[in-house]
Amino acid sequence: MPRIRFHDVRHTAATLMLLRGVPAKVVSEMLGHASIAITLDIYAHVLPDMQRDAVTAMEAALRG
């Protein structure tokens, strides 16, 4: 098994949580970040898909 740093496991866990829809505030608290801004700055790479999903959800809500 390849050697994996704790930081890599932490990063993977946070990314997976965000991708699965766990609120960024919850992920931030679990990671012990001082603010949600730190979490969002570090994990912004997962946001484009989340933004697309939010737009799709809004469209569905408006169309009924």
Protein backbone atom coordinates (compact mmCIF):
# COMPACT_ATOMS: atom_id res chain seq x y z
CA MET A 1 0.00 0.00 0.00
CA PRO A 2 1.42 3.42 -0.89
CA ARG A 3 2.44 5.75 1.89
CA ILE A 4 -0.20 8.48 2.28
CA ARG A 5 0.22 11.58 4.40
CA PHE A 6 -2.47 12.44 6.96
CA HIS A 7 -2.91 15.77 5.16
CA ASP A 8 -3.80 13.93 1.94
CA VAL A 9 -6.44 11.85 3.71
CA ARG A 10 -7.88 14.99 5.32
CA HIS A 11 -7.97 16.81 1.97
CA THR A 12 -9.67 13.86 0.28
CA ALA A 13 -12.26 13.57 3.05
CA ALA A 14 -13.10 17.28 2.87
CA THR A 15 -13.38 17.21 -0.92
CA LEU A 16 -15.64 14.14 -0.85
CA MET A 17 -17.88 15.69 1.80
CA LEU A 18 -18.30 18.86 -0.23
CA LEU A 19 -18.99 16.89 -3.40
CA ARG A 20 -21.66 14.87 -1.56
CA GLY A 21 -23.45 18.03 -0.48
CA VAL A 22 -22.28 18.38 3.09
CA PRO A 23 -22.62 22.08 3.88
CA ALA A 24 -19.31 23.94 3.74
CA LYS A 25 -19.92 25.27 7.26
CA VAL A 26 -20.09 21.71 8.62
CA VAL A 27 -16.94 20.67 6.74
CA SER A 28 -15.18 23.78 8.03
CA GLU A 29 -16.10 22.95 11.62
CA MET A 30 -15.00 19.32 11.22
CA LEU A 31 -11.63 20.42 9.88
CA GLY A 32 -11.20 22.93 12.70
CA HIS A 33 -10.81 25.91 10.41
CA ALA A 34 -11.17 29.32 12.03
CA SER A 35 -13.66 30.39 9.38
CA ILE A 36 -15.65 29.01 6.47
CA ALA A 37 -13.64 31.33 4.20
CA ILE A 38 -10.52 29.25 4.81
CA THR A 39 -12.35 26.07 3.83
CA LEU A 40 -13.82 27.62 0.71
CA ASP A 41 -10.46 29.10 -0.33
CA ILE A 42 -8.75 25.72 -0.05
CA TYR A 43 -11.50 23.59 -1.58
CA ALA A 44 -12.80 25.96 -4.25
CA HIS A 45 -11.91 23.37 -6.91
CA VAL A 46 -15.09 21.46 -6.04
CA LEU A 47 -17.36 24.49 -6.34
CA PRO A 48 -17.93 24.66 -10.13
CA ASP A 49 -19.95 21.43 -10.10
CA MET A 50 -21.75 22.55 -6.98
CA GLN A 51 -22.67 25.84 -8.64
CA ARG A 52 -24.04 24.01 -11.67
CA ASP A 53 -26.08 21.75 -9.41
CA ALA A 54 -27.45 24.79 -7.57
CA VAL A 55 -28.53 26.38 -10.87
CA THR A 56 -30.22 23.14 -11.92
CA ALA A 57 -32.04 22.94 -8.58
CA MET A 58 -33.19 26.58 -8.88
CA GLU A 59 -34.45 26.00 -12.42
CA ALA A 60 -36.42 22.96 -11.26
CA ALA A 61 -37.90 24.90 -8.33
CA LEU A 62 -38.97 27.80 -10.55
CA ARG A 63 -40.52 25.53 -13.18
CA GLY A 64 -42.45 23.59 -10.58
